[in-house]
């Protein structure tokens, strides 16, 4: 699901905040969109989201996508070639 959401946002410029868009992505991947939506609305997921948000703040993340490789941050779809070069070294 994550790959589908990232592709929808960064490659297809779709609105991933729209529940219908997320449902269509899940359906396209052969997943149960209704079950995923119900789980997303659960209190445990809200707590996980808050914890992940705090980790991002603590890690000084300021945008997405955000990758860290060997302590070096790489931010933005247009910077993935820099990450690829670092990975190839």
PDB file of N, CA and C in Angstrom:
ATOM      1  N   UNK A   1       0.829  -1.196   0.000  1.00  0.00           N
ATOM      2  CA  UNK A   1       0.000   0.000   0.000  1.00  0.00           C
ATOM      3  C   UNK A   1       0.871   1.257   0.000  1.00  0.00           C
ATOM      4  N   UNK A   2       1.952   1.220   0.757  1.00  0.00           N
ATOM      5  CA  UNK A   2       2.809   2.396   0.849  1.00  0.00           C
ATOM      6  C   UNK A   2       3.341   2.809  -0.516  1.00  0.00           C
ATOM      7  N   UNK A   3       3.829   1.838  -1.274  1.00  0.00           N
ATOM      8  CA  UNK A   3       4.343   2.140  -2.615  1.00  0.00           C
ATOM      9  C   UNK A   3       3.271   2.733  -3.502  1.00  0.00           C
ATOM     10  N   UNK A   4       2.065   2.213  -3.410  1.00  0.00           N
ATOM     11  CA  UNK A   4       0.958   2.740  -4.204  1.00  0.00           C
ATOM     12  C   UNK A   4       0.603   4.165  -3.825  1.00  0.00           C
ATOM     13  N   UNK A   5       0.625   4.460  -2.530  1.00  0.00           N
ATOM     14  CA  UNK A   5       0.325   5.815  -2.057  1.00  0.00           C
ATOM     15  C   UNK A   5       1.426   6.784  -2.493  1.00  0.00           C
ATOM     16  N   UNK A   6       2.670   6.377  -2.331  1.00  0.00           N
ATOM     17  CA  UNK A   6       3.767   7.251  -2.744  1.00  0.00           C
ATOM     18  C   UNK A   6       3.740   7.498  -4.252  1.00  0.00           C
ATOM     19  N   UNK A   7       3.488   6.459  -5.025  1.00  0.00           N
ATOM     20  CA  UNK A   7       3.391   6.620  -6.478  1.00  0.00           C
ATOM     21  C   UNK A   7       2.247   7.565  -6.840  1.00  0.00           C
ATOM     22  N   UNK A   8       1.098   7.393  -6.168  1.00  0.00           N
ATOM     23  CA  UNK A   8      -0.061   8.256  -6.443  1.00  0.00           C
ATOM     24  C   UNK A   8       0.275   9.715  -6.158  1.00  0.00           C
ATOM     25  N   UNK A   9       0.984   9.972  -5.073  1.00  0.00           N
ATOM     26  CA  UNK A   9       1.311  11.351  -4.694  1.00  0.00           C
ATOM     27  C   UNK A   9       2.402  11.947  -5.566  1.00  0.00           C
ATOM     28  N   UNK A  10       3.522  11.245  -5.693  1.00  0.00           N
ATOM     29  CA  UNK A  10       4.699  11.844  -6.302  1.00  0.00           C
ATOM     30  C   UNK A  10       4.792  11.622  -7.799  1.00  0.00           C
ATOM     31  N   UNK A  11       4.260  10.544  -8.322  1.00  0.00           N
ATOM     32  CA  UNK A  11       4.355  10.287  -9.760  1.00  0.00           C
ATOM     33  C   UNK A  11       3.075  10.686 -10.490  1.00  0.00           C
ATOM     34  N   UNK A  12       1.935  10.510  -9.811  1.00  0.00           N
ATOM     35  CA  UNK A  12       0.649  10.767 -10.466  1.00  0.00           C
ATOM     36  C   UNK A  12      -0.032  12.048  -9.978  1.00  0.00           C
ATOM     37  N   UNK A  13       0.537  12.685  -8.952  1.00  0.00           N
ATOM     38  CA  UNK A  13       0.009  13.923  -8.373  1.00  0.00           C
ATOM     39  C   UNK A  13      -1.465  13.809  -7.972  1.00  0.00           C
ATOM     40  N   UNK A  14      -1.819  12.667  -7.373  1.00  0.00           N
ATOM     41  CA  UNK A  14      -3.179  12.458  -6.887  1.00  0.00           C
ATOM     42  C   UNK A  14      -3.293  12.940  -5.446  1.00  0.00           C
ATOM     43  N   UNK A  15      -4.524  13.237  -5.025  1.00  0.00           N
ATOM     44  CA  UNK A  15      -4.793  13.742  -3.683  1.00  0.00           C
ATOM     45  C   UNK A  15      -4.918  12.567  -2.715  1.00  0.00           C
ATOM     46  N   UNK A  16      -3.844  12.248  -2.010  1.00  0.00           N
ATOM     47  CA  UNK A  16      -3.870  11.106  -1.107  1.00  0.00           C
ATOM     48  C   UNK A  16      -4.541  11.421   0.230  1.00  0.00           C
ATOM     49  N   UNK A  17      -4.992  12.656   0.414  1.00  0.00           N
ATOM     50  CA  UNK A  17      -5.787  12.993   1.589  1.00  0.00           C
ATOM     51  C   UNK A  17      -7.258  12.659   1.369  1.00  0.00           C
ATOM     52  N   UNK A  18      -7.620  12.366   0.142  1.00  0.00           N
ATOM     53  CA  UNK A  18      -9.001  12.036  -0.214  1.00  0.00           C
ATOM     54  C   UNK A  18      -9.262  10.550   0.036  1.00  0.00           C
ATOM     55  N   UNK A  19     -10.221  10.224   0.912  1.00  0.00           N
ATOM     56  CA  UNK A  19     -10.515   8.818   1.199  1.00  0.00           C
ATOM     57  C   UNK A  19     -10.863   8.001  -0.054  1.00  0.00           C
ATOM     58  N   UNK A  20     -11.525   8.611  -1.011  1.00  0.00           N
ATOM     59  CA  UNK A  20     -11.866   7.892  -2.244  1.00  0.00           C
ATOM     60  C   UNK A  20     -10.608   7.522  -3.029  1.00  0.00           C
ATOM     61  N   UNK A  21      -9.631   8.427  -3.039  1.00  0.00           N
ATOM     62  CA  UNK A  21      -8.362   8.139  -3.713  1.00  0.00           C
ATOM     63  C   UNK A  21      -7.654   6.981  -3.025  1.00  0.00           C
ATOM     64  N   UNK A  22      -7.593   7.013  -1.697  1.00  0.00           N
ATOM     65  CA  UNK A  22      -6.954   5.928  -0.964  1.00  0.00           C
ATOM     66  C   UNK A  22      -7.679   4.611  -1.182  1.00  0.00           C
ATOM     67  N   UNK A  23      -8.999   4.667  -1.229  1.00  0.00           N
ATOM     68  CA  UNK A  23      -9.776   3.456  -1.502  1.00  0.00           C
ATOM     69  C   UNK A  23      -9.479   2.895  -2.875  1.00  0.00           C
ATOM     70  N   UNK A  24      -9.368   3.771  -3.856  1.00  0.00           N
ATOM     71  CA  UNK A  24      -9.064   3.327  -5.222  1.00  0.00           C
ATOM     72  C   UNK A  24      -7.665   2.719  -5.299  1.00  0.00           C
ATOM     73  N   UNK A  25      -6.710   3.300  -4.573  1.00  0.00           N
ATOM     74  CA  UNK A  25      -5.348   2.748  -4.542  1.00  0.00           C
ATOM     75  C   UNK A  25      -5.384   1.344  -3.932  1.00  0.00           C
ATOM     76  N   UNK A  26      -6.062   1.212  -2.793  1.00  0.00           N
ATOM     77  CA  UNK A  26      -6.160  -0.097  -2.134  1.00  0.00           C
ATOM     78  C   UNK A  26      -6.838  -1.113  -3.043  1.00  0.00           C
ATOM     79  N   UNK A  27      -7.943  -0.726  -3.641  1.00  0.00           N
ATOM     80  CA  UNK A  27      -8.652  -1.631  -4.558  1.00  0.00           C
ATOM     81  C   UNK A  27      -7.744  -2.057  -5.703  1.00  0.00           C
ATOM     82  N   UNK A  28      -6.995  -1.096  -6.250  1.00  0.00           N
ATOM     83  CA  UNK A  28      -6.092  -1.396  -7.354  1.00  0.00           C
ATOM     84  C   UNK A  28      -4.987  -2.368  -6.985  1.00  0.00           C
ATOM     85  N   UNK A  29      -4.679  -2.430  -5.702  1.00  0.00           N
ATOM     86  CA  UNK A  29      -3.655  -3.357  -5.213  1.00  0.00           C
ATOM     87  C   UNK A  29      -4.250  -4.672  -4.729  1.00  0.00           C
ATOM     88  N   UNK A  30      -5.570  -4.795  -4.874  1.00  0.00           N
ATOM     89  CA  UNK A  30      -6.237  -6.020  -4.434  1.00  0.00           C
ATOM     90  C   UNK A  30      -6.424  -6.098  -2.929  1.00  0.00           C
ATOM     91  N   UNK A  31      -6.422  -4.948  -2.262  1.00  0.00           N
ATOM     92  CA  UNK A  31      -6.586  -4.903  -0.816  1.00  0.00           C
ATOM     93  C   UNK A  31      -8.011  -4.529  -0.451  1.00  0.00           C
ATOM     94  N   UNK A  32      -8.397  -4.810   0.783  1.00  0.00           N
ATOM     95  CA  UNK A  32      -9.731  -4.500   1.286  1.00  0.00           C
ATOM     96  C   UNK A  32      -9.757  -3.050   1.759  1.00  0.00           C
ATOM     97  N   UNK A  33     -10.220  -2.156   0.900  1.00  0.00           N
ATOM     98  CA  UNK A  33     -10.211  -0.720   1.200  1.00  0.00           C
ATOM     99  C   UNK A  33     -11.032  -0.390   2.437  1.00  0.00           C
ATOM    100  N   UNK A  34     -12.186  -1.043   2.617  1.00  0.00           N
ATOM    101  CA  UNK A  34     -13.034  -0.757   3.782  1.00  0.00           C
ATOM    102  C   UNK A  34     -12.330  -1.147   5.076  1.00  0.00           C
ATOM    103  N   UNK A  35     -11.649  -2.278   5.086  1.00  0.00           N
ATOM    104  CA  UNK A  35     -10.940  -2.718   6.290  1.00  0.00           C
ATOM    105  C   UNK A  35      -9.778  -1.778   6.603  1.00  0.00           C
ATOM    106  N   UNK A  36      -9.091  -1.332   5.573  1.00  0.00           N
ATOM    107  CA  UNK A  36      -7.972  -0.403   5.778  1.00  0.00           C
ATOM    108  C   UNK A  36      -8.484   0.922   6.329  1.00  0.00           C
ATOM    109  N   UNK A  37      -9.591   1.415   5.785  1.00  0.00           N
ATOM    110  CA  UNK A  37     -10.168   2.681   6.267  1.00  0.00           C
ATOM    111  C   UNK A  37     -10.612   2.561   7.724  1.00  0.00           C
ATOM    112  N   UNK A  38     -11.224   1.427   8.079  1.00  0.00           N
ATOM    113  CA  UNK A  38     -11.662   1.229   9.463  1.00  0.00           C
ATOM    114  C   UNK A  38     -10.465   1.189  10.404  1.00  0.00           C
ATOM    115  N   UNK A  39      -9.415   0.514  10.002  1.00  0.00           N
ATOM    116  CA  UNK A  39      -8.204   0.442  10.832  1.00  0.00           C
ATOM    117  C   UNK A  39      -7.564   1.824  10.964  1.00  0.00           C
ATOM    118  N   UNK A  40      -7.573   2.598   9.893  1.00  0.00           N
ATOM    119  CA  UNK A  40      -6.972   3.938   9.926  1.00  0.00           C
ATOM    120  C   UNK A  40      -7.673   4.844  10.930  1.00  0.00           C
ATOM    121  N   UNK A  41      -8.943   4.595  11.184  1.00  0.00           N
ATOM    122  CA  UNK A  41      -9.702   5.417  12.124  1.00  0.00           C
ATOM    123  C   UNK A  41      -9.619   4.921  13.566  1.00  0.00           C
ATOM    124  N   UNK A  42      -8.827   3.888  13.828  1.00  0.00           N
ATOM    125  CA  UNK A  42      -8.757   3.329  15.176  1.00  0.00           C
ATOM    126  C   UNK A  42      -7.857   4.172  16.085  1.00  0.00           C
ATOM    127  N   UNK A  43      -8.108   4.146  17.383  1.00  0.00           N
ATOM    128  CA  UNK A  43      -7.290   4.926  18.325  1.00  0.00           C
ATOM    129  C   UNK A  43      -5.810   4.542  18.298  1.00  0.00           C
ATOM    130  N   UNK A  44      -5.511   3.274  18.101  1.00  0.00           N
ATOM    131  CA  UNK A  44      -4.116   2.842  18.065  1.00  0.00           C
ATOM    132  C   UNK A  44      -3.347   3.480  16.925  1.00  0.00           C
ATOM    133  N   UNK A  45      -3.996   3.609  15.783  1.00  0.00           N
ATOM    134  CA  UNK A  45      -3.344   4.236  14.634  1.00  0.00           C
ATOM    135  C   UNK A  45      -3.106   5.714  14.916  1.00  0.00           C
ATOM    136  N   UNK A  46      -4.059   6.370  15.553  1.00  0.00           N
ATOM    137  CA  UNK A  46      -3.877   7.785  15.905  1.00  0.00           C
ATOM    138  C   UNK A  46      -2.677   7.950  16.835  1.00  0.00           C
ATOM    139  N   UNK A  47      -2.510   7.049  17.784  1.00  0.00           N
ATOM    140  CA  UNK A  47      -1.366   7.117  18.701  1.00  0.00           C
ATOM    141  C   UNK A  47      -0.059   6.871  17.945  1.00  0.00           C
ATOM    142  N   UNK A  48      -0.070   5.903  17.031  1.00  0.00           N
ATOM    143  CA  UNK A  48       1.122   5.642  16.210  1.00  0.00           C
ATOM    144  C   UNK A  48       1.490   6.869  15.379  1.00  0.00           C
ATOM    145  N   UNK A  49       0.474   7.521  14.825  1.00  0.00           N
ATOM    146  CA  UNK A  49       0.696   8.718  14.013  1.00  0.00           C
ATOM    147  C   UNK A  49       1.342   9.827  14.855  1.00  0.00           C
ATOM    148  N   UNK A  50       0.822  10.027  16.045  1.00  0.00           N
ATOM    149  CA  UNK A  50       1.376  11.058  16.934  1.00  0.00           C
ATOM    150  C   UNK A  50       2.831  10.739  17.293  1.00  0.00           C
ATOM    151  N   UNK A  51       3.116   9.474  17.568  1.00  0.00           N
ATOM    152  CA  UNK A  51       4.482   9.074  17.916  1.00  0.00           C
ATOM    153  C   UNK A  51       5.420   9.265  16.719  1.00  0.00           C
ATOM    154  N   UNK A  52       4.968   8.898  15.531  1.00  0.00           N
ATOM    155  CA  UNK A  52       5.792   9.070  14.329  1.00  0.00           C
ATOM    156  C   UNK A  52       6.030  10.554  14.050  1.00  0.00           C
ATOM    157  N   UNK A  53       5.010  11.358  14.269  1.00  0.00           N
ATOM    158  CA  UNK A  53       5.155  12.800  14.079  1.00  0.00           C
ATOM    159  C   UNK A  53       6.201  13.359  15.039  1.00  0.00           C
ATOM    160  N   UNK A  54       6.164  12.915  16.283  1.00  0.00           N
ATOM    161  CA  UNK A  54       7.143  13.397  17.250  1.00  0.00           C
ATOM    162  C   UNK A  54       8.551  12.949  16.882  1.00  0.00           C
ATOM    163  N   UNK A  55       8.708  11.703  16.395  1.00  0.00           N
ATOM    164  CA  UNK A  55      10.032  11.236  15.955  1.00  0.00           C
ATOM    165  C   UNK A  55      10.547  12.088  14.795  1.00  0.00           C
ATOM    166  N   UNK A  56       9.646  12.466  13.891  1.00  0.00           N
ATOM    167  CA  UNK A  56      10.053  13.308  12.764  1.00  0.00           C
ATOM    168  C   UNK A  56      10.490  14.690  13.247  1.00  0.00           C
ATOM    169  N   UNK A  57       9.751  15.241  14.172  1.00  0.00           N
ATOM    170  CA  UNK A  57      10.125  16.539  14.738  1.00  0.00           C
ATOM    171  C   UNK A  57      11.477  16.432  15.426  1.00  0.00           C
ATOM    172  N   UNK A  58      11.658  15.404  16.225  1.00  0.00           N
ATOM    173  CA  UNK A  58      12.922  15.209  16.939  1.00  0.00           C
ATOM    174  C   UNK A  58      14.084  14.990  15.969  1.00  0.00           C
ATOM    175  N   UNK A  59      13.808  14.361  14.825  1.00  0.00           N
ATOM    176  CA  UNK A  59      14.829  14.109  13.822  1.00  0.00           C
ATOM    177  C   UNK A  59      15.022  15.244  12.838  1.00  0.00           C
ATOM    178  N   UNK A  60      14.322  16.343  13.068  1.00  0.00           N
ATOM    179  CA  UNK A  60      14.397  17.548  12.228  1.00  0.00           C
ATOM    180  C   UNK A  60      13.982  17.287  10.777  1.00  0.00           C
ATOM    181  N   UNK A  61      13.048  16.367  10.596  1.00  0.00           N
ATOM    182  CA  UNK A  61      12.490  16.115   9.266  1.00  0.00           C
ATOM    183  C   UNK A  61      11.616  17.315   8.917  1.00  0.00           C
ATOM    184  N   UNK A  62      11.782  17.845   7.712  1.00  0.00           N
ATOM    185  CA  UNK A  62      10.990  19.011   7.337  1.00  0.00           C
ATOM    186  C   UNK A  62      10.237  18.824   6.034  1.00  0.00           C
ATOM    187  N   UNK A  63      10.231  17.643   5.481  1.00  0.00           N
ATOM    188  CA  UNK A  63       9.491  17.406   4.252  1.00  0.00           C
ATOM    189  C   UNK A  63       9.499  15.937   3.881  1.00  0.00           C
ATOM    190  N   UNK A  64       8.759  15.626   2.855  1.00  0.00           N
ATOM    191  CA  UNK A  64       8.699  14.250   2.355  1.00  0.00           C
ATOM    192  C   UNK A  64       8.856  14.254   0.847  1.00  0.00           C
ATOM    193  N   UNK A  65       9.396  13.210   0.280  1.00  0.00           N
ATOM    194  CA  UNK A  65       9.975  12.076   0.996  1.00  0.00           C
ATOM    195  C   UNK A  65      11.289  12.453   1.656  1.00  0.00           C
ATOM    196  N   UNK A  66      11.610  11.747   2.719  1.00  0.00           N
ATOM    197  CA  UNK A  66      12.803  12.011   3.520  1.00  0.00           C
ATOM    198  C   UNK A  66      13.495  10.688   3.787  1.00  0.00           C
ATOM    199  N   UNK A  67      14.752  10.612   3.426  1.00  0.00           N
ATOM    200  CA  UNK A  67      15.543   9.409   3.647  1.00  0.00           C
ATOM    201  C   UNK A  67      16.826   9.809   4.363  1.00  0.00           C
ATOM    202  N   UNK A  68      17.324   8.932   5.205  1.00  0.00           N
ATOM    203  CA  UNK A  68      18.615   9.152   5.845  1.00  0.00           C
ATOM    204  C   UNK A  68      19.467   7.927   5.540  1.00  0.00           C
ATOM    205  N   UNK A  69      20.633   8.177   4.973  1.00  0.00           N
ATOM    206  CA  UNK A  69      21.574   7.115   4.662  1.00  0.00           C
ATOM    207  C   UNK A  69      22.923   7.484   5.246  1.00  0.00           C
ATOM    208  N   UNK A  70      23.406   6.629   6.147  1.00  0.00           N
ATOM    209  CA  UNK A  70      24.685   6.860   6.823  1.00  0.00           C
ATOM    210  C   UNK A  70      24.755   8.250   7.451  1.00  0.00           C
ATOM    211  N   UNK A  71      23.652   8.636   8.074  1.00  0.00           N
ATOM    212  CA  UNK A  71      23.599   9.902   8.777  1.00  0.00           C
ATOM    213  C   UNK A  71      23.335  11.124   7.915  1.00  0.00           C
ATOM    214  N   UNK A  72      23.285  10.953   6.596  1.00  0.00           N
ATOM    215  CA  UNK A  72      23.053  12.086   5.694  1.00  0.00           C
ATOM    216  C   UNK A  72      21.597  12.104   5.234  1.00  0.00           C
ATOM    217  N   UNK A  73      20.889  13.220   5.444  1.00  0.00           N
ATOM    218  CA  UNK A  73      19.493  13.289   5.006  1.00  0.00           C
ATOM    219  C   UNK A  73      19.381  13.605   3.508  1.00  0.00           C
ATOM    220  N   UNK A  74      18.373  13.009   2.893  1.00  0.00           N
ATOM    221  CA  UNK A  74      18.036  13.282   1.499  1.00  0.00           C
ATOM    222  C   UNK A  74      16.551  13.619   1.482  1.00  0.00           C
ATOM    223  N   UNK A  75      16.220  14.807   0.981  1.00  0.00           N
ATOM    224  CA  UNK A  75      14.843  15.262   1.008  1.00  0.00           C
ATOM    225  C   UNK A  75      14.380  15.607  -0.394  1.00  0.00           C
ATOM    226  N   UNK A  76      13.217  15.099  -0.742  1.00  0.00           N
ATOM    227  CA  UNK A  76      12.565  15.474  -1.989  1.00  0.00           C
ATOM    228  C   UNK A  76      12.721  14.457  -3.098  1.00  0.00           C
ATOM    229  N   UNK A  77      11.683  14.325  -3.864  1.00  0.00           N
ATOM    230  CA  UNK A  77      11.669  13.414  -5.007  1.00  0.00           C
ATOM    231  C   UNK A  77      12.768  13.771  -6.008  1.00  0.00           C
ATOM    232  N   UNK A  78      13.028  15.044  -6.154  1.00  0.00           N
ATOM    233  CA  UNK A  78      14.028  15.490  -7.124  1.00  0.00           C
ATOM    234  C   UNK A  78      15.460  15.283  -6.638  1.00  0.00           C
ATOM    235  N   UNK A  79      15.638  14.761  -5.424  1.00  0.00           N
ATOM    236  CA  UNK A  79      16.978  14.516  -4.889  1.00  0.00           C
ATOM    237  C   UNK A  79      17.301  13.027  -4.792  1.00  0.00           C
ATOM    238  N   UNK A  80      16.408  12.193  -5.298  1.00  0.00           N
ATOM    239  CA  UNK A  80      16.644  10.760  -5.190  1.00  0.00           C
ATOM    240  C   UNK A  80      17.874  10.309  -5.966  1.00  0.00           C
ATOM    241  N   UNK A  81      18.262  11.060  -6.989  1.00  0.00           N
ATOM    242  CA  UNK A  81      19.487  10.704  -7.704  1.00  0.00           C
ATOM    243  C   UNK A  81      20.715  10.870  -6.803  1.00  0.00           C
ATOM    244  N   UNK A  82      20.690  11.837  -5.877  1.00  0.00           N
ATOM    245  CA  UNK A  82      21.774  11.992  -4.926  1.00  0.00           C
ATOM    246  C   UNK A  82      21.836  10.783  -3.983  1.00  0.00           C
ATOM    247  N   UNK A  83      20.681  10.329  -3.552  1.00  0.00           N
ATOM    248  CA  UNK A  83      20.622   9.139  -2.699  1.00  0.00           C
ATOM    249  C   UNK A  83      21.119   7.921  -3.473  1.00  0.00           C
ATOM    250  N   UNK A  84      20.730   7.783  -4.713  1.00  0.00           N
ATOM    251  CA  UNK A  84      21.182   6.645  -5.528  1.00  0.00           C
ATOM    252  C   UNK A  84      22.703   6.649  -5.656  1.00  0.00           C
ATOM    253  N   UNK A  85      23.277   7.818  -5.851  1.00  0.00           N
ATOM    254  CA  UNK A  85      24.739   7.904  -5.939  1.00  0.00           C
ATOM    255  C   UNK A  85      25.406   7.517  -4.620  1.00  0.00           C
ATOM    256  N   UNK A  86      24.839   7.972  -3.525  1.00  0.00           N
ATOM    257  CA  UNK A  86      25.399   7.610  -2.218  1.00  0.00           C
ATOM    258  C   UNK A  86      25.303   6.105  -1.988  1.00  0.00           C
ATOM    259  N   UNK A  87      24.206   5.507  -2.397  1.00  0.00           N
ATOM    260  CA  UNK A  87      24.029   4.060  -2.240  1.00  0.00           C
ATOM    261  C   UNK A  87      24.998   3.264  -3.099  1.00  0.00           C
ATOM    262  N   UNK A  88      25.379   3.813  -4.242  1.00  0.00           N
ATOM    263  CA  UNK A  88      26.258   3.074  -5.167  1.00  0.00           C
ATOM    264  C   UNK A  88      27.727   3.130  -4.781  1.00  0.00           C
ATOM    265  N   UNK A  89      28.063   3.987  -3.815  1.00  0.00           N
ATOM    266  CA  UNK A  89      29.478   4.128  -3.411  1.00  0.00           C
ATOM    267  C   UNK A  89      29.895   2.965  -2.551  1.00  0.00           C
TER     268      UNK A  89
END
